Every structure is written in C-alpha cells, then in structure tokens.
Amino acid sequence: MDVKFNSKLKTFKRTISMDTFKVFEFNIKK
C-alpha cells in the first residue's frame, strides 16, 4: 500500500472520529 495514501486515510479516519465525537458531545449537552 502507498505510504502517502495510508497516512491520508489515517488522517481522514481521525477527522471523522473527531467530528463524530463532537456531535456525540453536543447531543449529550442538549
């Protein structure tokens, strides 16, 4: 697997989990 692609994928996954976490946190505060 291409290293650059792999790191992009990891960054992408991390961004997704951060967004999911923010939404989750936001819903709990409601």
C-alpha atoms as a PDB file:
ATOM      1  CA  MET A   1       0.000   0.000   0.000  1.00  0.00           C
ATOM      2  CA  ASP A   2       1.153   3.520  -0.792  1.00  0.00           C
ATOM      3  CA  VAL A   3       2.518   5.219   2.321  1.00  0.00           C
ATOM      4  CA  LYS A   4       1.129   8.642   1.394  1.00  0.00           C
ATOM      5  CA  PHE A   5      -2.296   7.177   0.785  1.00  0.00           C
ATOM      6  CA  ASN A   6      -2.125   5.267   4.056  1.00  0.00           C
ATOM      7  CA  SER A   7      -1.321   8.386   6.088  1.00  0.00           C
ATOM      8  CA  LYS A   8      -4.092  10.311   4.322  1.00  0.00           C
ATOM      9  CA  LEU A   9      -6.510   7.546   5.226  1.00  0.00           C
ATOM     10  CA  LYS A  10      -5.432   7.659   8.878  1.00  0.00           C
ATOM     11  CA  THR A  11      -5.845  11.446   8.951  1.00  0.00           C
ATOM     12  CA  PHE A  12      -9.251  11.088   7.330  1.00  0.00           C
ATOM     13  CA  LYS A  13     -10.369   8.492   9.873  1.00  0.00           C
ATOM     14  CA  ARG A  14      -9.117  10.651  12.725  1.00  0.00           C
ATOM     15  CA  THR A  15     -11.038  13.655  11.363  1.00  0.00           C
ATOM     16  CA  ILE A  16     -14.190  11.550  11.069  1.00  0.00           C
ATOM     17  CA  SER A  17     -13.915  10.302  14.637  1.00  0.00           C
ATOM     18  CA  MET A  18     -13.330  13.841  15.915  1.00  0.00           C
ATOM     19  CA  ASP A  19     -16.453  15.055  14.110  1.00  0.00           C
ATOM     20  CA  THR A  20     -18.449  12.105  15.401  1.00  0.00           C
ATOM     21  CA  PHE A  21     -17.221  12.779  18.915  1.00  0.00           C
ATOM     22  CA  LYS A  22     -18.188  16.481  18.683  1.00  0.00           C
ATOM     23  CA  VAL A  23     -21.684  15.577  17.521  1.00  0.00           C
ATOM     24  CA  PHE A  24     -21.949  13.000  20.292  1.00  0.00           C
ATOM     25  CA  GLU A  25     -20.798  15.525  22.895  1.00  0.00           C
ATOM     26  CA  PHE A  26     -23.198  18.132  21.536  1.00  0.00           C
ATOM     27  CA  ASN A  27     -26.139  15.739  21.763  1.00  0.00           C
ATOM     28  CA  ILE A  28     -25.294  14.857  25.362  1.00  0.00           C
ATOM     29  CA  LYS A  29     -25.231  18.529  26.372  1.00  0.00           C
ATOM     30  CA  LYS A  30     -28.737  19.108  24.995  1.00  0.00           C
END
